[in-house]
Amino acid sequence: MTNSNNLVVNVQGCCAPQENNLNFKTISNNSKDHLPVAIIGAGPVGLAAAAHLVSRGQTFILLEGGSQVGANILTWGHIRLFSPWRYNVDKVAKSLLEQINWTHPELEKLPTGKELVEQYLEPLSNLSEIQPYIQLNTKVVSIGKKDIDKMKTLNRENIPFVIHTESNGTYKTFEARAVIDATGTWGNPNPATSSGVWLNEEKSLHEQVFYGIPNILGKEKERYANKRVAVVGGGHSAINTLLDLAKLKEAYDKTEIIWIMRRQHVEDAYGGEEKDALAARGELGSRIHSLVDEQKIKVVTPFRIQEVRKTQEGIMIKGNKDNEESILNGIEEVIVNAGSRPDLTILNEVRIAIDSATESVEALAPLIDPNIHSCGTVRPHGEKELRQPEKDLYIVGAKSYGRAPTFLMATGYEQVRSIAAYLSGDVESAKKVELDLPETGVCSVNLNAKKSGCDNSNSCN
C-alpha cells in the first residue's frame, strides 16, 4: 500500500536547530515496496497467510525452522483435534488446492495432528505458487530494521525489515517490506510451578518430566505403564493426556494417575460438555467427568505447586492446598500441560505492544484474558487489532494470544485474511469480519474470576 511521500528533515547538531543548518531532503516511500512479505512459521496460519497473499498477487517468503511444514504439529501428531475439518481448512487455501483436484477431507471428521499435516498442510505447501518461496530448516533468530536499531525513528516506516536466520550452521539474512510472525507458542511451555517461574530443580528433571502430550498408547507406553504418574494442568491438553493414561491403565492396572490443577473445583475443568457446539470438545469433558466419578483418576485441587524436586522416594511435588503446605511423594513421572508462552526474543529489535499480563497482542487482551473470560470463543478480529507500533509488523495465530488458552485455527485464518487484504491495499476488505465460530457452551464474563476458577494468566491450569 502506497502512502504520500514523506518530507524528512536532517538536522545538523543535536539540539534546537537554526534555520540555516536545515537540509531538507525528500525520501521516496517506495524504497521497500519491491520486497516480499516475510511469513515466519509454516504451520496452518503461516501457510494460510501465504495462500491469501498468493490470491492477491503479493510476493512473499515463508521461513520455517523445522525440516518440514507443520513440524510443531507433528510432535503431537497422535492427538485427535476436537474441531472437525470444516473449521481447520482456510477458505482461500481450499480454493487454491481445488485447482489441482485436491479432495477436501470429510467435513465432520476429526483429524489427528498427523492427518492435518499430511492431508492439508503438505499439499498446500507443495502448490507451485507457494513451494518455491518456502525456506525450511531456517530458524529466525532476530527481526529488525535495516541498518538501524530500535531507538531510531526518522524515516523508520520506509526502511525494510531484516530477518536474521540460522540455517544448518550458516547465517543468512532476508529483507522484507512486512513481517507476519506466525511462530506460535508450542515448544515454549510453562513450568509446573504455579508461580510460572522456571526453577533449576525442575529443569534438572527433564528425563522424568514431559511437557506436552506424550504418545502414551504408542512409543511412550513402556515409560508410563504401571507407574505413578502426575498430570499437571486443567485444560484440554491435560484431559487428552489423562484419557490416554486411563486407557493405558486398562491394560496395566498398576498405573496410578494423579491429576493436579489450580482450579477451585474439578467440575470447572469439564467445560460445556453436551452444551459445547464442538461435540468432540464437549465429549472430552464428559469422559473425564466419568473417570473422576469412577475414581480411576485421583484429583488434587486446588493445588498450587511451589517446587518439583527429585528425592530418594522419587519426585516430590510440594505445594499449597487449602492454604496449607502439602507434599506429594513417590511420583515416578510428571506430565506438564500448563500451557505455553510466546517467545518474544526474536522481536527485541522492533517496536511491539504486548499486554503485560497475557503477553498477547495488546489490543486482544480485553477479549481473551482468562482472568475475566471463561469463554472458548473470541470475537473475530483482524488487521486493525493486530497492528503493531512497528508499521507492517503483525503477530498472528496462537502467538497473538500470548498465554491465553482459547485460540482456534479458524481465528488465525481470519487474522491473516484481513492482514493480506490490508497489505494489498484493500482496506475495506481488511475491515470486514468473515468468520463464524462455534460457541463453547460455557461463555461468561466474570470480573472476579470466581466462577471460572482463574487465578492468574497461566490459563487456569
Protein backbone atom coordinates (compact mmCIF):
# COMPACT_ATOMS: atom_id res chain seq x y z
CA MET A 1 0.00 0.00 0.00
CA THR A 2 1.46 3.35 -1.04
CA ASN A 3 1.34 6.49 1.06
CA SER A 4 2.23 10.03 0.04
CA ASN A 5 5.89 10.98 0.10
CA ASN A 6 7.31 11.94 3.45
CA LEU A 7 9.36 15.12 3.94
CA VAL A 8 12.33 14.23 6.08
CA VAL A 9 14.37 16.83 7.92
CA ASN A 10 18.03 16.10 8.59
CA VAL A 11 19.23 18.24 11.47
CA GLN A 12 22.85 19.35 11.87
CA GLY A 13 23.79 19.20 15.54
CA CYS A 14 21.84 17.81 18.46
CA CYS A 15 19.62 20.45 19.85
CA ALA A 16 17.37 23.37 18.77
CA PRO A 17 18.16 23.77 15.04
CA GLN A 18 18.89 27.09 13.37
CA GLU A 19 17.17 27.81 10.08
CA ASN A 20 20.42 27.92 8.12
CA ASN A 21 21.56 24.40 9.04
CA LEU A 22 18.45 22.55 7.96
CA ASN A 23 18.91 20.26 4.98
CA PHE A 24 15.53 19.32 3.51
CA LYS A 25 15.51 16.06 1.61
CA THR A 26 12.57 14.22 0.10
CA ILE A 27 12.78 10.47 0.64
CA SER A 28 10.73 8.20 -1.60
CA ASN A 29 8.43 5.89 0.31
CA ASN A 30 8.89 3.23 -2.36
CA SER A 31 12.25 2.06 -1.03
CA LYS A 32 10.86 -1.26 0.23
CA ASP A 33 7.80 -1.73 -2.00
CA HIS A 34 9.59 -4.22 -4.26
CA LEU A 35 10.41 -6.53 -1.35
CA PRO A 36 8.31 -9.57 -0.33
CA VAL A 37 6.23 -10.06 2.79
CA ALA A 38 8.07 -12.36 5.20
CA ILE A 39 5.98 -15.01 6.96
CA ILE A 40 7.64 -16.69 9.94
CA GLY A 41 6.38 -20.21 10.66
CA ALA A 42 4.94 -22.81 8.26
CA GLY A 43 2.07 -24.04 10.40
CA PRO A 44 -1.63 -23.74 9.49
CA VAL A 45 -1.79 -19.96 9.99
CA GLY A 46 1.53 -19.19 8.30
CA LEU A 47 0.57 -21.24 5.24
CA ALA A 48 -2.87 -19.62 5.20
CA ALA A 49 -1.13 -16.24 5.10
CA ALA A 50 0.87 -17.43 2.09
CA ALA A 51 -2.34 -18.58 0.35
CA HIS A 52 -4.04 -15.22 0.90
CA LEU A 53 -1.02 -13.30 -0.38
CA VAL A 54 -0.91 -15.57 -3.45
CA SER A 55 -4.60 -14.91 -4.11
CA ARG A 56 -3.86 -11.18 -4.11
CA GLY A 57 -0.78 -11.35 -6.30
CA GLN A 58 1.60 -10.38 -3.49
CA THR A 59 5.16 -11.73 -3.22
CA PHE A 60 6.29 -13.45 -0.04
CA ILE A 61 8.89 -15.67 1.59
CA LEU A 62 8.00 -18.23 4.25
CA LEU A 63 10.69 -19.12 6.79
CA GLU A 64 10.31 -22.34 8.82
CA GLY A 65 12.73 -23.57 11.46
CA GLY A 66 11.70 -27.23 11.12
CA SER A 67 12.63 -29.73 8.45
CA GLN A 68 9.10 -29.71 7.04
CA VAL A 69 5.89 -27.74 7.20
CA GLY A 70 3.80 -28.38 10.30
CA ALA A 71 6.87 -29.58 12.21
CA ASN A 72 5.48 -28.49 15.60
CA ILE A 73 2.16 -30.19 14.95
CA LEU A 74 3.88 -33.50 14.25
CA THR A 75 5.21 -33.52 17.82
CA TRP A 76 1.59 -34.16 18.85
CA GLY A 77 0.60 -35.90 15.64
CA HIS A 78 -1.08 -38.77 17.51
CA ILE A 79 -3.64 -36.44 19.11
CA ARG A 80 -7.06 -36.02 17.51
CA LEU A 81 -8.32 -32.45 17.25
CA PHE A 82 -11.71 -31.59 18.75
CA SER A 83 -12.55 -29.34 15.82
CA PRO A 84 -13.70 -31.08 12.61
CA TRP A 85 -12.17 -30.50 9.20
CA ARG A 86 -14.77 -27.82 8.36
CA TYR A 87 -13.04 -25.46 10.83
CA ASN A 88 -9.46 -26.47 10.03
CA VAL A 89 -9.14 -25.55 6.35
CA ASP A 90 -8.74 -21.94 5.27
CA LYS A 91 -11.21 -20.94 2.53
CA VAL A 92 -8.68 -19.37 0.17
CA ALA A 93 -6.25 -22.24 0.68
CA LYS A 94 -9.10 -24.61 -0.18
CA SER A 95 -9.76 -22.73 -3.43
CA LEU A 96 -6.11 -22.98 -4.44
CA LEU A 97 -5.97 -26.68 -3.62
CA GLU A 98 -9.13 -27.46 -5.56
CA GLN A 99 -7.41 -26.16 -8.70
CA ILE A 100 -5.18 -29.25 -8.54
CA ASN A 101 -8.14 -31.59 -7.86
CA TRP A 102 -7.45 -31.87 -4.14
CA THR A 103 -10.26 -33.59 -2.28
CA HIS A 104 -11.43 -31.95 0.93
CA PRO A 105 -11.48 -34.43 3.83
CA GLU A 106 -14.88 -35.30 5.25
CA LEU A 107 -16.21 -32.11 6.81
CA GLU A 108 -17.32 -33.55 10.15
CA LYS A 109 -14.39 -35.92 10.63
CA LEU A 110 -11.87 -35.09 13.35
CA PRO A 111 -8.27 -35.19 12.08
CA THR A 112 -5.23 -36.12 14.10
CA GLY A 113 -2.32 -33.71 14.03
CA LYS A 114 -0.52 -36.05 11.64
CA GLU A 115 -3.54 -36.16 9.31
CA LEU A 116 -3.79 -32.36 9.39
CA VAL A 117 -0.21 -32.11 8.15
CA GLU A 118 -0.34 -34.92 5.59
CA GLN A 119 -3.79 -34.25 4.12
CA TYR A 120 -3.80 -30.45 4.19
CA LEU A 121 -0.58 -28.61 5.05
CA GLU A 122 1.74 -30.68 2.86
CA PRO A 123 -0.46 -30.46 -0.29
CA LEU A 124 -0.87 -26.72 0.34
CA SER A 125 2.87 -26.18 0.73
CA ASN A 126 3.57 -28.14 -2.46
CA LEU A 127 1.47 -25.84 -4.66
CA SER A 128 3.57 -24.27 -7.39
CA GLU A 129 2.54 -20.80 -6.19
CA ILE A 130 3.86 -21.49 -2.66
CA GLN A 131 6.56 -24.19 -2.63
CA PRO A 132 9.38 -22.18 -4.28
CA TYR A 133 9.13 -19.49 -1.60
CA ILE A 134 9.40 -21.74 1.48
CA GLN A 135 12.75 -21.89 3.26
CA LEU A 136 12.89 -24.95 5.56
CA ASN A 137 15.48 -25.53 8.30
CA THR A 138 15.68 -21.75 8.61
CA LYS A 139 15.45 -20.61 12.20
CA VAL A 140 14.73 -16.92 12.74
CA VAL A 141 16.97 -15.54 15.48
CA SER A 142 16.03 -11.85 15.22
CA ILE A 143 13.91 -9.37 13.29
CA GLY A 144 14.99 -5.76 12.92
CA LYS A 145 15.17 -2.80 10.58
CA LYS A 146 17.94 -2.48 8.02
CA ASP A 147 20.97 -0.65 9.41
CA ILE A 148 19.09 0.96 12.32
CA ASP A 149 18.19 -0.20 15.81
CA LYS A 150 15.02 0.05 17.84
CA MET A 151 15.80 3.58 19.03
CA LYS A 152 15.87 5.26 15.62
CA THR A 153 12.62 6.91 14.48
CA LEU A 154 13.49 9.09 11.47
CA ASN A 155 12.00 7.60 8.27
CA ARG A 156 11.61 4.28 10.09
CA GLU A 157 8.45 3.11 8.37
CA ASN A 158 10.10 3.30 4.95
CA ILE A 159 13.11 1.17 5.92
CA PRO A 160 12.96 -2.56 5.11
CA PHE A 161 12.81 -5.25 7.73
CA VAL A 162 15.83 -7.54 8.02
CA ILE A 163 15.26 -11.09 9.23
CA HIS A 164 18.37 -12.72 10.69
CA THR A 165 18.37 -16.51 10.42
CA GLU A 166 20.50 -19.57 11.05
CA SER A 167 20.29 -22.42 8.56
CA ASN A 168 22.34 -25.59 9.11
CA GLY A 169 25.06 -23.59 10.80
CA THR A 170 25.04 -20.82 8.21
CA TYR A 171 23.96 -17.26 8.97
CA LYS A 172 21.58 -15.74 6.40
CA THR A 173 19.53 -12.57 6.19
CA PHE A 174 16.33 -11.75 4.32
CA GLU A 175 14.81 -8.35 3.62
CA ALA A 176 11.07 -7.76 3.65
CA ARG A 177 8.54 -4.96 3.36
CA ALA A 178 6.30 -6.51 6.03
CA VAL A 179 6.54 -9.32 8.57
CA ILE A 180 3.85 -11.77 9.73
CA ASP A 181 5.03 -13.66 12.81
CA ALA A 182 3.12 -16.95 12.95
CA THR A 183 5.63 -18.89 15.06
CA GLY A 184 3.07 -19.93 17.68
CA THR A 185 3.85 -20.90 21.26
CA TRP A 186 4.25 -24.68 21.05
CA GLY A 187 7.67 -25.82 22.23
CA ASN A 188 7.91 -22.98 24.76
CA PRO A 189 5.95 -24.46 27.68
CA ASN A 190 5.09 -23.04 31.07
CA PRO A 191 6.71 -24.81 34.03
CA ALA A 192 4.84 -26.90 36.58
CA THR A 193 5.19 -24.27 39.29
CA SER A 194 2.13 -22.11 39.83
CA SER A 195 4.33 -19.03 40.01
CA GLY A 196 5.28 -19.53 36.36
CA VAL A 197 8.97 -19.38 37.30
CA TRP A 198 11.41 -21.95 35.93
CA LEU A 199 13.43 -23.34 38.84
CA ASN A 200 16.66 -25.30 38.43
CA GLU A 201 15.28 -28.30 40.33
CA GLU A 202 12.50 -28.70 37.78
CA LYS A 203 14.86 -28.16 34.85
CA SER A 204 17.11 -30.95 36.13
CA LEU A 205 14.25 -33.46 35.88
CA HIS A 206 13.97 -33.30 32.11
CA GLU A 207 14.23 -37.11 31.81
CA GLN A 208 11.21 -37.66 34.07
CA VAL A 209 9.11 -34.60 33.22
CA PHE A 210 7.39 -34.32 29.84
CA TYR A 211 5.95 -31.01 28.61
CA GLY A 212 3.14 -31.58 26.15
CA ILE A 213 1.11 -34.65 25.23
CA PRO A 214 3.27 -37.79 25.03
CA ASN A 215 2.31 -40.73 22.83
CA ILE A 216 1.22 -42.78 25.83
CA LEU A 217 -0.52 -45.52 23.85
CA GLY A 218 2.28 -45.71 21.30
CA LYS A 219 6.03 -45.29 21.56
CA GLU A 220 5.86 -43.97 25.17
CA LYS A 221 3.79 -46.88 26.52
CA GLU A 222 6.61 -48.52 28.50
CA ARG A 223 7.58 -45.20 30.04
CA TYR A 224 4.23 -44.81 31.79
CA ALA A 225 2.88 -48.36 32.21
CA ASN A 226 2.46 -49.36 35.87
CA LYS A 227 3.99 -46.07 37.03
CA ARG A 228 2.72 -43.42 39.44
CA VAL A 229 2.12 -40.54 37.05
CA ALA A 230 1.16 -36.96 37.91
CA VAL A 231 -0.52 -34.79 35.26
CA VAL A 232 -0.33 -31.04 35.86
CA GLY A 233 -2.92 -28.82 34.16
CA GLY A 234 -6.64 -28.23 33.82
CA GLY A 235 -7.18 -27.65 30.09
CA HIS A 236 -7.89 -29.82 27.07
CA SER A 237 -4.28 -30.96 26.70
CA ALA A 238 -4.28 -32.30 30.26
CA ILE A 239 -7.61 -34.04 29.66
CA ASN A 240 -6.27 -35.71 26.49
CA THR A 241 -3.27 -36.90 28.47
CA LEU A 242 -5.44 -38.24 31.29
CA LEU A 243 -7.74 -40.09 28.92
CA ASP A 244 -4.75 -41.83 27.33
CA LEU A 245 -3.38 -42.78 30.75
CA ALA A 246 -6.78 -44.17 31.74
CA LYS A 247 -6.77 -46.29 28.58
CA LEU A 248 -3.26 -47.48 29.43
CA LYS A 249 -4.45 -48.39 32.93
CA GLU A 250 -6.96 -50.83 31.45
CA ALA A 251 -4.05 -52.98 30.27
CA TYR A 252 -1.61 -52.09 33.07
CA ASP A 253 -3.72 -51.91 36.20
CA LYS A 254 -0.89 -50.80 38.50
CA THR A 255 -0.74 -47.49 36.66
CA GLU A 256 -1.69 -44.75 39.14
CA ILE A 257 -2.97 -41.43 37.80
CA ILE A 258 -2.88 -38.21 39.82
CA TRP A 259 -4.43 -35.05 38.36
CA ILE A 260 -3.04 -31.81 39.80
CA MET A 261 -4.52 -28.41 38.96
CA ARG A 262 -5.21 -25.00 40.43
CA ARG A 263 -8.93 -24.83 39.77
CA GLN A 264 -11.10 -24.47 42.85
CA HIS A 265 -13.28 -27.45 41.85
CA VAL A 266 -12.63 -30.30 39.44
CA GLU A 267 -16.03 -29.62 37.84
CA ASP A 268 -14.60 -26.36 36.49
CA ALA A 269 -12.41 -28.40 34.12
CA TYR A 270 -15.29 -30.26 32.47
CA GLY A 271 -16.30 -27.31 30.31
CA GLY A 272 -19.56 -27.21 28.37
CA GLU A 273 -19.86 -30.99 27.94
CA GLU A 274 -23.09 -31.58 25.95
CA LYS A 275 -23.61 -27.81 25.54
CA ASP A 276 -20.40 -27.34 23.56
CA ALA A 277 -21.01 -26.71 19.85
CA LEU A 278 -17.82 -28.67 19.13
CA ALA A 279 -19.12 -32.10 20.11
CA ALA A 280 -15.68 -33.67 20.47
CA ARG A 281 -14.53 -30.94 22.81
CA GLY A 282 -17.65 -31.39 24.93
CA GLU A 283 -17.11 -35.16 24.92
CA LEU A 284 -13.64 -34.71 26.41
CA GLY A 285 -15.23 -33.07 29.43
CA SER A 286 -17.89 -35.75 29.74
CA ARG A 287 -15.37 -38.60 29.52
CA ILE A 288 -13.03 -37.16 32.12
CA HIS A 289 -16.04 -36.44 34.33
CA SER A 290 -16.95 -40.13 34.29
CA LEU A 291 -13.39 -41.28 35.04
CA VAL A 292 -13.16 -38.98 38.04
CA ASP A 293 -16.55 -40.14 39.34
CA GLU A 294 -15.38 -43.76 38.97
CA GLN A 295 -12.26 -42.87 40.99
CA LYS A 296 -9.94 -44.09 38.24
CA ILE A 297 -8.16 -40.76 38.49
CA LYS A 298 -7.15 -39.18 41.79
CA VAL A 299 -7.77 -35.42 41.72
CA VAL A 300 -5.72 -32.99 43.79
CA THR A 301 -7.19 -29.50 43.56
CA PRO A 302 -6.86 -26.65 44.26
CA PHE A 303 -3.13 -27.30 44.46
CA ARG A 304 -0.57 -24.60 43.74
CA ILE A 305 2.82 -26.15 43.04
CA GLN A 306 5.76 -24.41 44.64
CA GLU A 307 8.52 -26.89 43.92
CA VAL A 308 9.25 -30.06 41.93
CA ARG A 309 12.30 -31.92 43.22
CA LYS A 310 13.91 -35.35 42.99
CA THR A 311 14.24 -37.33 46.25
CA GLN A 312 15.18 -40.89 47.21
CA GLU A 313 11.48 -41.85 47.01
CA GLY A 314 11.09 -40.40 43.52
CA ILE A 315 9.79 -36.99 42.51
CA MET A 316 8.42 -34.78 45.26
CA ILE A 317 5.84 -32.13 44.41
CA LYS A 318 5.41 -29.53 47.13
CA GLY A 319 2.60 -27.03 47.06
CA ASN A 320 -0.18 -25.21 48.79
CA LYS A 321 -3.56 -26.89 49.20
CA ASP A 322 -6.36 -25.14 51.06
CA ASN A 323 -3.82 -22.63 52.42
CA GLU A 324 -1.68 -25.36 53.93
CA GLU A 325 1.61 -26.86 52.77
CA SER A 326 1.07 -30.21 51.08
CA ILE A 327 3.56 -32.70 49.65
CA LEU A 328 3.03 -35.44 47.09
CA ASN A 329 5.81 -38.05 47.26
CA GLY A 330 6.85 -41.04 45.22
CA ILE A 331 5.87 -39.69 41.80
CA GLU A 332 7.70 -41.57 39.04
CA GLU A 333 6.73 -39.47 36.02
CA VAL A 334 5.28 -35.98 35.60
CA ILE A 335 3.44 -34.71 32.52
CA VAL A 336 3.02 -30.94 32.45
CA ASN A 337 0.14 -29.47 30.46
CA ALA A 338 0.21 -25.98 31.96
CA GLY A 339 0.00 -24.10 28.69
CA SER A 340 2.65 -22.31 26.67
CA ARG A 341 4.02 -18.82 26.43
CA PRO A 342 5.23 -16.81 23.43
CA ASP A 343 8.94 -16.43 22.77
CA LEU A 344 9.29 -12.71 22.09
CA THR A 345 13.09 -12.63 21.89
CA ILE A 346 13.15 -12.53 18.09
CA LEU A 347 11.18 -9.26 18.30
CA ASN A 348 13.54 -7.45 20.67
CA GLU A 349 14.73 -5.01 17.98
CA VAL A 350 11.31 -3.97 16.70
CA ARG A 351 8.62 -1.94 18.38
CA ILE A 352 5.74 -4.03 19.70
CA ALA A 353 2.75 -3.54 22.02
CA ILE A 354 2.31 -6.60 24.25
CA ASP A 355 -0.09 -6.91 27.18
CA SER A 356 1.83 -7.22 30.42
CA ALA A 357 -0.38 -9.97 31.85
CA THR A 358 -1.38 -12.23 28.96
CA GLU A 359 1.68 -11.47 26.76
CA SER A 360 -0.81 -11.27 23.90
CA VAL A 361 -1.08 -8.54 21.30
CA GLU A 362 -2.12 -5.62 23.46
CA ALA A 363 -5.45 -4.87 21.75
CA LEU A 364 -6.58 -8.50 22.12
CA ALA A 365 -6.04 -8.74 25.86
CA PRO A 366 -9.52 -7.48 26.92
CA LEU A 367 -11.08 -10.10 24.63
CA ILE A 368 -9.12 -13.15 25.81
CA ASP A 369 -7.85 -12.56 29.36
CA PRO A 370 -8.85 -15.72 31.30
CA ASN A 371 -9.00 -13.66 34.49
CA ILE A 372 -12.12 -12.07 33.00
CA HIS A 373 -13.49 -14.55 30.46
CA SER A 374 -14.27 -18.25 30.84
CA CYS A 375 -15.05 -18.48 27.14
CA GLY A 376 -13.57 -20.54 24.32
CA THR A 377 -14.95 -18.24 21.64
CA VAL A 378 -13.43 -14.82 20.96
CA ARG A 379 -14.91 -12.08 18.83
CA PRO A 380 -13.36 -12.16 15.34
CA HIS A 381 -10.71 -9.54 14.78
CA GLY A 382 -8.26 -8.57 12.11
CA GLU A 383 -5.58 -6.18 10.91
CA LYS A 384 -6.68 -3.22 13.00
CA GLU A 385 -6.47 -5.06 16.32
CA LEU A 386 -3.24 -6.83 15.35
CA ARG A 387 -1.46 -3.71 14.15
CA GLN A 388 1.83 -3.07 15.96
CA PRO A 389 3.66 0.22 16.63
CA GLU A 390 6.18 -1.07 14.08
CA LYS A 391 4.34 -0.46 10.82
CA ASP A 392 3.64 -3.58 8.75
CA LEU A 393 4.65 -5.96 11.54
CA TYR A 394 1.99 -8.42 12.75
CA ILE A 395 1.92 -11.18 15.36
CA VAL A 396 -0.74 -13.73 14.43
CA GLY A 397 -2.05 -17.16 15.34
CA ALA A 398 -1.56 -18.68 18.78
CA LYS A 399 1.31 -16.28 19.45
CA SER A 400 -1.07 -13.32 19.14
CA TYR A 401 -2.97 -14.77 22.14
CA GLY A 402 0.17 -14.97 24.27
CA ARG A 403 -0.51 -17.18 27.29
CA ALA A 404 -4.28 -17.22 26.85
CA PRO A 405 -5.63 -20.70 26.01
CA THR A 406 -8.64 -20.04 23.78
CA PHE A 407 -7.11 -19.83 20.28
CA LEU A 408 -8.75 -21.67 17.38
CA MET A 409 -7.20 -22.14 13.92
CA ALA A 410 -10.19 -20.53 12.23
CA THR A 411 -9.46 -17.36 14.20
CA GLY A 412 -5.94 -17.30 12.79
CA TYR A 413 -7.25 -17.73 9.26
CA GLU A 414 -9.44 -14.66 9.69
CA GLN A 415 -6.48 -12.73 11.09
CA VAL A 416 -4.28 -13.35 8.05
CA ARG A 417 -7.13 -12.82 5.59
CA SER A 418 -7.57 -9.31 6.96
CA ILE A 419 -3.83 -8.59 7.06
CA ALA A 420 -3.26 -9.82 3.50
CA ALA A 421 -6.11 -7.58 2.33
CA TYR A 422 -4.59 -4.56 4.09
CA LEU A 423 -1.08 -5.20 2.77
CA SER A 424 -2.60 -5.41 -0.72
CA GLY A 425 -4.26 -2.02 -0.35
CA ASP A 426 -7.79 -3.39 0.09
CA VAL A 427 -8.62 -1.54 3.29
CA GLU A 428 -12.38 -2.13 3.05
CA SER A 429 -11.94 -5.90 2.92
CA ALA A 430 -9.49 -5.73 5.81
CA LYS A 431 -12.19 -4.13 7.94
CA LYS A 432 -14.79 -6.81 7.27
CA VAL A 433 -15.47 -9.78 9.52
CA GLU A 434 -15.82 -13.02 7.57
CA LEU A 435 -15.88 -15.64 10.30
CA ASP A 436 -18.41 -17.53 12.43
CA LEU A 437 -17.04 -19.56 15.32
CA PRO A 438 -18.74 -22.30 17.35
CA GLU A 439 -19.76 -21.47 20.90
CA THR A 440 -18.30 -23.40 23.81
CA GLY A 441 -21.49 -23.55 25.81
CA VAL A 442 -19.67 -22.08 28.82
CA CYS A 443 -19.13 -18.46 27.83
CA SER A 444 -19.40 -15.96 30.63
CA VAL A 445 -17.79 -12.78 31.85
CA ASN A 446 -16.56 -12.92 35.41
CA LEU A 447 -14.66 -9.94 36.71
CA ASN A 448 -13.82 -11.68 39.98
CA ALA A 449 -12.73 -14.89 38.23
CA LYS A 450 -14.66 -16.92 40.80
CA LYS A 451 -16.84 -18.99 38.51
CA SER A 452 -14.05 -19.89 36.11
CA GLY A 453 -11.51 -20.53 38.84
CA CYS A 454 -8.89 -18.43 37.04
CA ASP A 455 -6.31 -17.08 39.44
CA ASN A 456 -3.61 -15.80 37.12
CA SER A 457 -2.58 -15.60 33.49
CA ASN A 458 -1.38 -19.20 33.18
CA SER A 459 -4.60 -20.45 31.59
CA CYS A 460 -6.23 -21.56 34.86
CA ASN A 461 -4.36 -24.88 34.69
